[in-house]
PDB file of N, CA and C in Angstrom:
ATOM      1  N   MET A   1       0.843  -1.172   0.000  1.00  0.00           N
ATOM      2  CA  MET A   1       0.000   0.000   0.000  1.00  0.00           C
ATOM      3  C   MET A   1       0.887   1.233   0.000  1.00  0.00           C
ATOM      4  N   ASP A   2       0.481   2.208  -0.771  1.00  0.00           N
ATOM      5  CA  ASP A   2       1.294   3.415  -0.866  1.00  0.00           C
ATOM      6  C   ASP A   2       0.586   4.651  -0.324  1.00  0.00           C
ATOM      7  N   GLY A   3      -0.595   4.497   0.253  1.00  0.00           N
ATOM      8  CA  GLY A   3      -1.301   5.615   0.853  1.00  0.00           C
ATOM      9  C   GLY A   3      -2.137   6.437  -0.107  1.00  0.00           C
ATOM     10  N   ARG A   4      -2.115   6.092  -1.383  1.00  0.00           N
ATOM     11  CA  ARG A   4      -2.911   6.841  -2.359  1.00  0.00           C
ATOM     12  C   ARG A   4      -4.403   6.559  -2.163  1.00  0.00           C
ATOM     13  N   THR A   5      -5.208   7.541  -2.476  1.00  0.00           N
ATOM     14  CA  THR A   5      -6.652   7.362  -2.450  1.00  0.00           C
ATOM     15  C   THR A   5      -7.217   7.697  -3.815  1.00  0.00           C
ATOM     16  N   GLY A   6      -8.388   7.181  -4.086  1.00  0.00           N
ATOM     17  CA  GLY A   6      -9.031   7.460  -5.361  1.00  0.00           C
ATOM     18  C   GLY A   6     -10.375   6.778  -5.444  1.00  0.00           C
ATOM     19  N   ILE A   7     -11.052   7.009  -6.528  1.00  0.00           N
ATOM     20  CA  ILE A   7     -12.366   6.419  -6.756  1.00  0.00           C
ATOM     21  C   ILE A   7     -12.193   5.022  -7.343  1.00  0.00           C
ATOM     22  N   ILE A   8     -12.929   4.069  -6.780  1.00  0.00           N
ATOM     23  CA  ILE A   8     -12.926   2.698  -7.283  1.00  0.00           C
ATOM     24  C   ILE A   8     -14.128   2.548  -8.199  1.00  0.00           C
ATOM     25  N   GLU A   9     -13.908   2.130  -9.404  1.00  0.00           N
ATOM     26  CA  GLU A   9     -14.971   2.010 -10.408  1.00  0.00           C
ATOM     27  C   GLU A   9     -15.625   0.630 -10.356  1.00  0.00           C
ATOM     28  N   LEU A  10     -16.169   0.277  -9.197  1.00  0.00           N
ATOM     29  CA  LEU A  10     -16.875  -0.992  -9.035  1.00  0.00           C
ATOM     30  C   LEU A  10     -18.302  -0.711  -8.591  1.00  0.00           C
ATOM     31  N   PRO A  11     -19.243  -1.581  -8.924  1.00  0.00           N
ATOM     32  CA  PRO A  11     -20.624  -1.358  -8.484  1.00  0.00           C
ATOM     33  C   PRO A  11     -20.751  -1.537  -6.972  1.00  0.00           C
ATOM     34  N   ASN A  12     -21.711  -0.819  -6.379  1.00  0.00           N
ATOM     35  CA  ASN A  12     -22.008  -1.007  -4.962  1.00  0.00           C
ATOM     36  C   ASN A  12     -22.560  -2.408  -4.757  1.00  0.00           C
ATOM     37  N   SER A  13     -22.321  -2.973  -3.581  1.00  0.00           N
ATOM     38  CA  SER A  13     -22.902  -4.272  -3.278  1.00  0.00           C
ATOM     39  C   SER A  13     -23.262  -4.332  -1.807  1.00  0.00           C
ATOM     40  N   ASN A  14     -24.220  -5.160  -1.497  1.00  0.00           N
ATOM     41  CA  ASN A  14     -24.742  -5.318  -0.153  1.00  0.00           C
ATOM     42  C   ASN A  14     -23.998  -6.473   0.518  1.00  0.00           C
ATOM     43  N   VAL A  15     -22.775  -6.210   0.962  1.00  0.00           N
ATOM     44  CA  VAL A  15     -21.887  -7.259   1.464  1.00  0.00           C
ATOM     45  C   VAL A  15     -21.163  -6.762   2.711  1.00  0.00           C
ATOM     46  N   LEU A  16     -20.991  -7.659   3.672  1.00  0.00           N
ATOM     47  CA  LEU A  16     -20.140  -7.396   4.829  1.00  0.00           C
ATOM     48  C   LEU A  16     -18.998  -8.396   4.786  1.00  0.00           C
ATOM     49  N   LYS A  17     -17.767  -7.912   4.930  1.00  0.00           N
ATOM     50  CA  LYS A  17     -16.614  -8.811   4.966  1.00  0.00           C
ATOM     51  C   LYS A  17     -15.844  -8.533   6.241  1.00  0.00           C
ATOM     52  N   TYR A  18     -15.617  -9.592   7.014  1.00  0.00           N
ATOM     53  CA  TYR A  18     -14.905  -9.492   8.274  1.00  0.00           C
ATOM     54  C   TYR A  18     -13.567 -10.203   8.146  1.00  0.00           C
ATOM     55  N   LYS A  19     -12.504  -9.510   8.493  1.00  0.00           N
ATOM     56  CA  LYS A  19     -11.177 -10.118   8.529  1.00  0.00           C
ATOM     57  C   LYS A  19     -10.936 -10.595   9.952  1.00  0.00           C
ATOM     58  N   LEU A  20     -10.599 -11.872  10.089  1.00  0.00           N
ATOM     59  CA  LEU A  20     -10.432 -12.496  11.393  1.00  0.00           C
ATOM     60  C   LEU A  20      -8.957 -12.662  11.729  1.00  0.00           C
ATOM     61  N   GLU A  21      -8.686 -12.937  12.986  1.00  0.00           N
ATOM     62  CA  GLU A  21      -7.310 -13.194  13.405  1.00  0.00           C
ATOM     63  C   GLU A  21      -6.749 -14.375  12.629  1.00  0.00           C
ATOM     64  N   GLY A  22      -5.485 -14.319  12.323  1.00  0.00           N
ATOM     65  CA  GLY A  22      -4.835 -15.418  11.632  1.00  0.00           C
ATOM     66  C   GLY A  22      -5.012 -15.393  10.122  1.00  0.00           C
ATOM     67  N   GLY A  23      -5.653 -14.357   9.599  1.00  0.00           N
ATOM     68  CA  GLY A  23      -5.798 -14.242   8.157  1.00  0.00           C
ATOM     69  C   GLY A  23      -7.074 -14.822   7.574  1.00  0.00           C
ATOM     70  N   ALA A  24      -7.909 -15.446   8.395  1.00  0.00           N
ATOM     71  CA  ALA A  24      -9.186 -15.971   7.896  1.00  0.00           C
ATOM     72  C   ALA A  24     -10.150 -14.809   7.671  1.00  0.00           C
ATOM     73  N   TRP A  25     -11.200 -15.054   6.877  1.00  0.00           N
ATOM     74  CA  TRP A  25     -12.219 -14.036   6.658  1.00  0.00           C
ATOM     75  C   TRP A  25     -13.570 -14.696   6.452  1.00  0.00           C
ATOM     76  N   VAL A  26     -14.617 -13.918   6.685  1.00  0.00           N
ATOM     77  CA  VAL A  26     -15.984 -14.352   6.405  1.00  0.00           C
ATOM     78  C   VAL A  26     -16.705 -13.200   5.716  1.00  0.00           C
ATOM     79  N   CYS A  27     -17.454 -13.543   4.687  1.00  0.00           N
ATOM     80  CA  CYS A  27     -18.213 -12.568   3.907  1.00  0.00           C
ATOM     81  C   CYS A  27     -19.688 -12.961   4.014  1.00  0.00           C
ATOM     82  N   VAL A  28     -20.545 -11.975   4.263  1.00  0.00           N
ATOM     83  CA  VAL A  28     -21.971 -12.219   4.453  1.00  0.00           C
ATOM     84  C   VAL A  28     -22.747 -11.330   3.485  1.00  0.00           C
ATOM     85  N   ARG A  29     -23.723 -11.939   2.792  1.00  0.00           N
ATOM     86  CA  ARG A  29     -24.547 -11.148   1.876  1.00  0.00           C
ATOM     87  C   ARG A  29     -25.913 -11.800   1.721  1.00  0.00           C
ATOM     88  N   PRO A  30     -26.916 -11.007   1.373  1.00  0.00           N
ATOM     89  CA  PRO A  30     -28.224 -11.607   1.119  1.00  0.00           C
ATOM     90  C   PRO A  30     -28.224 -12.312  -0.232  1.00  0.00           C
ATOM     91  N   SER A  31     -29.019 -13.353  -0.336  1.00  0.00           N
ATOM     92  CA  SER A  31     -29.195 -14.019  -1.624  1.00  0.00           C
ATOM     93  C   SER A  31     -29.946 -13.082  -2.556  1.00  0.00           C
ATOM     94  N   GLY A  32     -29.610 -13.124  -3.814  1.00  0.00           N
ATOM     95  CA  GLY A  32     -30.314 -12.302  -4.785  1.00  0.00           C
ATOM     96  C   GLY A  32     -31.595 -12.925  -5.298  1.00  0.00           C
ATOM     97  N   THR A  33     -31.793 -14.212  -4.997  1.00  0.00           N
ATOM     98  CA  THR A  33     -32.953 -14.919  -5.550  1.00  0.00           C
ATOM     99  C   THR A  33     -33.831 -15.584  -4.500  1.00  0.00           C
ATOM    100  N   GLU A  34     -33.338 -15.688  -3.265  1.00  0.00           N
ATOM    101  CA  GLU A  34     -34.085 -16.384  -2.219  1.00  0.00           C
ATOM    102  C   GLU A  34     -34.044 -15.566  -0.934  1.00  0.00           C
ATOM    103  N   PRO A  35     -35.014 -15.771  -0.036  1.00  0.00           N
ATOM    104  CA  PRO A  35     -35.008 -15.043   1.238  1.00  0.00           C
ATOM    105  C   PRO A  35     -34.064 -15.696   2.255  1.00  0.00           C
ATOM    106  N   LYS A  36     -32.773 -15.609   1.995  1.00  0.00           N
ATOM    107  CA  LYS A  36     -31.796 -16.186   2.919  1.00  0.00           C
ATOM    108  C   LYS A  36     -30.495 -15.406   2.845  1.00  0.00           C
ATOM    109  N   ILE A  37     -29.638 -15.650   3.820  1.00  0.00           N
ATOM    110  CA  ILE A  37     -28.328 -15.001   3.889  1.00  0.00           C
ATOM    111  C   ILE A  37     -27.273 -16.021   3.493  1.00  0.00           C
ATOM    112  N   LYS A  38     -26.305 -15.591   2.709  1.00  0.00           N
ATOM    113  CA  LYS A  38     -25.217 -16.476   2.279  1.00  0.00           C
ATOM    114  C   LYS A  38     -23.932 -16.098   3.003  1.00  0.00           C
ATOM    115  N   PHE A  39     -23.162 -17.118   3.354  1.00  0.00           N
ATOM    116  CA  PHE A  39     -21.882 -16.936   4.029  1.00  0.00           C
ATOM    117  C   PHE A  39     -20.782 -17.533   3.160  1.00  0.00           C
ATOM    118  N   TYR A  40     -19.682 -16.817   3.052  1.00  0.00           N
ATOM    119  CA  TYR A  40     -18.498 -17.295   2.338  1.00  0.00           C
ATOM    120  C   TYR A  40     -17.326 -17.185   3.300  1.00  0.00           C
ATOM    121  N   PHE A  41     -16.472 -18.203   3.314  1.00  0.00           N
ATOM    122  CA  PHE A  41     -15.351 -18.243   4.242  1.00  0.00           C
ATOM    123  C   PHE A  41     -14.047 -18.419   3.481  1.00  0.00           C
ATOM    124  N   GLY A  42     -12.976 -17.895   4.040  1.00  0.00           N
ATOM    125  CA  GLY A  42     -11.659 -18.084   3.458  1.00  0.00           C
ATOM    126  C   GLY A  42     -10.607 -18.218   4.542  1.00  0.00           C
ATOM    127  N   VAL A  43      -9.646 -19.085   4.315  1.00  0.00           N
ATOM    128  CA  VAL A  43      -8.512 -19.259   5.227  1.00  0.00           C
ATOM    129  C   VAL A  43      -7.252 -19.442   4.394  1.00  0.00           C
ATOM    130  N   LYS A  44      -6.126 -19.206   5.011  1.00  0.00           N
ATOM    131  CA  LYS A  44      -4.850 -19.432   4.330  1.00  0.00           C
ATOM    132  C   LYS A  44      -3.877 -20.017   5.346  1.00  0.00           C
ATOM    133  N   GLU A  45      -3.521 -21.253   5.135  1.00  0.00           N
ATOM    134  CA  GLU A  45      -2.593 -21.958   6.018  1.00  0.00           C
ATOM    135  C   GLU A  45      -1.477 -22.576   5.183  1.00  0.00           C
ATOM    136  N   GLU A  46      -0.503 -23.143   5.839  1.00  0.00           N
ATOM    137  CA  GLU A  46       0.661 -23.715   5.159  1.00  0.00           C
ATOM    138  C   GLU A  46       0.337 -24.968   4.352  1.00  0.00           C
ATOM    139  N   THR A  47      -0.636 -25.754   4.831  1.00  0.00           N
ATOM    140  CA  THR A  47      -0.983 -26.997   4.138  1.00  0.00           C
ATOM    141  C   THR A  47      -2.493 -27.072   3.916  1.00  0.00           C
ATOM    142  N   ALA A  48      -2.894 -27.936   2.994  1.00  0.00           N
ATOM    143  CA  ALA A  48      -4.323 -28.135   2.748  1.00  0.00           C
ATOM    144  C   ALA A  48      -5.010 -28.687   3.991  1.00  0.00           C
ATOM    145  N   GLU A  49      -4.337 -29.585   4.694  1.00  0.00           N
ATOM    146  CA  GLU A  49      -4.911 -30.181   5.900  1.00  0.00           C
ATOM    147  C   GLU A  49      -5.132 -29.122   6.969  1.00  0.00           C
ATOM    148  N   ALA A  50      -4.152 -28.249   7.156  1.00  0.00           N
ATOM    149  CA  ALA A  50      -4.287 -27.172   8.142  1.00  0.00           C
ATOM    150  C   ALA A  50      -5.402 -26.215   7.734  1.00  0.00           C
ATOM    151  N   SER A  51      -5.498 -25.926   6.443  1.00  0.00           N
ATOM    152  CA  SER A  51      -6.563 -25.043   5.947  1.00  0.00           C
ATOM    153  C   SER A  51      -7.934 -25.646   6.219  1.00  0.00           C
ATOM    154  N   GLU A  52      -8.080 -26.931   5.965  1.00  0.00           N
ATOM    155  CA  GLU A  52      -9.358 -27.595   6.202  1.00  0.00           C
ATOM    156  C   GLU A  52      -9.734 -27.555   7.676  1.00  0.00           C
ATOM    157  N   GLN A  53      -8.755 -27.759   8.561  1.00  0.00           N
ATOM    158  CA  GLN A  53      -9.029 -27.742   9.997  1.00  0.00           C
ATOM    159  C   GLN A  53      -9.426 -26.347  10.463  1.00  0.00           C
ATOM    160  N   VAL A  54      -8.684 -25.333  10.042  1.00  0.00           N
ATOM    161  CA  VAL A  54      -8.996 -23.956  10.440  1.00  0.00           C
ATOM    162  C   VAL A  54     -10.347 -23.543   9.860  1.00  0.00           C
ATOM    163  N   LEU A  55     -10.619 -23.909   8.615  1.00  0.00           N
ATOM    164  CA  LEU A  55     -11.904 -23.586   8.002  1.00  0.00           C
ATOM    165  C   LEU A  55     -13.049 -24.195   8.804  1.00  0.00           C
ATOM    166  N   LYS A  56     -12.900 -25.439   9.197  1.00  0.00           N
ATOM    167  CA  LYS A  56     -13.925 -26.110   9.996  1.00  0.00           C
ATOM    168  C   LYS A  56     -14.167 -25.353  11.297  1.00  0.00           C
ATOM    169  N   GLU A  57     -13.095 -24.947  11.965  1.00  0.00           N
ATOM    170  CA  GLU A  57     -13.217 -24.220  13.229  1.00  0.00           C
ATOM    171  C   GLU A  57     -13.889 -22.863  13.035  1.00  0.00           C
ATOM    172  N   VAL A  58     -13.514 -22.150  11.990  1.00  0.00           N
ATOM    173  CA  VAL A  58     -14.095 -20.830  11.724  1.00  0.00           C
ATOM    174  C   VAL A  58     -15.583 -20.961  11.411  1.00  0.00           C
ATOM    175  N   VAL A  59     -15.939 -21.903  10.554  1.00  0.00           N
ATOM    176  CA  VAL A  59     -17.348 -22.104  10.193  1.00  0.00           C
ATOM    177  C   VAL A  59     -18.165 -22.459  11.431  1.00  0.00           C
ATOM    178  N   GLU A  60     -17.660 -23.361  12.264  1.00  0.00           N
ATOM    179  CA  GLU A  60     -18.385 -23.755  13.475  1.00  0.00           C
ATOM    180  C   GLU A  60     -18.581 -22.566  14.408  1.00  0.00           C
ATOM    181  N   GLU A  61     -17.550 -21.759  14.591  1.00  0.00           N
ATOM    182  CA  GLU A  61     -17.638 -20.598  15.479  1.00  0.00           C
ATOM    183  C   GLU A  61     -18.643 -19.577  14.951  1.00  0.00           C
ATOM    184  N   VAL A  62     -18.526 -19.214  13.695  1.00  0.00           N
ATOM    185  CA  VAL A  62     -19.411 -18.194  13.114  1.00  0.00           C
ATOM    186  C   VAL A  62     -20.856 -18.689  13.079  1.00  0.00           C
ATOM    187  N   MET A  63     -21.077 -19.879  12.587  1.00  0.00           N
ATOM    188  CA  MET A  63     -22.443 -20.375  12.466  1.00  0.00           C
ATOM    189  C   MET A  63     -23.063 -20.639  13.839  1.00  0.00           C
ATOM    190  N   GLY A  64     -22.250 -20.988  14.822  1.00  0.00           N
ATOM    191  CA  GLY A  64     -22.747 -21.118  16.190  1.00  0.00           C
ATOM    192  C   GLY A  64     -23.256 -19.791  16.721  1.00  0.00           C
ATOM    193  N   ARG A  65     -22.533 -18.727  16.426  1.00  0.00           N
ATOM    194  CA  ARG A  65     -22.971 -17.393  16.850  1.00  0.00           C
ATOM    195  C   ARG A  65     -24.232 -16.973  16.103  1.00  0.00           C
ATOM    196  N   VAL A  66     -24.316 -17.289  14.829  1.00  0.00           N
ATOM    197  CA  VAL A  66     -25.509 -16.957  14.045  1.00  0.00           C
ATOM    198  C   VAL A  66     -26.716 -17.710  14.598  1.00  0.00           C
ATOM    199  N   SER A  67     -26.522 -18.967  14.952  1.00  0.00           N
ATOM    200  CA  SER A  67     -27.604 -19.779  15.496  1.00  0.00           C
ATOM    201  C   SER A  67     -28.136 -19.176  16.790  1.00  0.00           C
ATOM    202  N   VAL A  68     -27.246 -18.706  17.649  1.00  0.00           N
ATOM    203  CA  VAL A  68     -27.656 -18.082  18.908  1.00  0.00           C
ATOM    204  C   VAL A  68     -28.450 -16.810  18.625  1.00  0.00           C
ATOM    205  N   MET A  69     -28.005 -16.009  17.658  1.00  0.00           N
ATOM    206  CA  MET A  69     -28.707 -14.765  17.326  1.00  0.00           C
ATOM    207  C   MET A  69     -30.095 -15.037  16.770  1.00  0.00           C
ATOM    208  N   SER A  70     -30.264 -16.111  16.029  1.00  0.00           N
ATOM    209  CA  SER A  70     -31.558 -16.382  15.402  1.00  0.00           C
ATOM    210  C   SER A  70     -32.587 -16.898  16.399  1.00  0.00           C
ATOM    211  N   THR A  71     -32.162 -17.300  17.593  1.00  0.00           N
ATOM    212  CA  THR A  71     -33.097 -17.790  18.602  1.00  0.00           C
ATOM    213  C   THR A  71     -33.465 -16.717  19.609  1.00  0.00           C
ATOM    214  N   VAL A  72     -32.866 -15.541  19.507  1.00  0.00           N
ATOM    215  CA  VAL A  72     -33.140 -14.455  20.464  1.00  0.00           C
ATOM    216  C   VAL A  72     -34.349 -13.684  20.021  1.00  0.00           C
TER     217      VAL A  72
END
């Protein structure tokens, strides 16, 4: 990054992206065709096995929190 600012020529979108500790991320957006919310996850680890394990942990943590919110 060089500190420059400017206008980004991309369309607006209804998306939330959270960067998590360790480089993982989760992106949340409404479905364009159905009444539901979609979640996308990303992780980056040294090996595929480590990535799969971290992804599993992140998905369980996030979806567990979503489940609690939906019952309140």
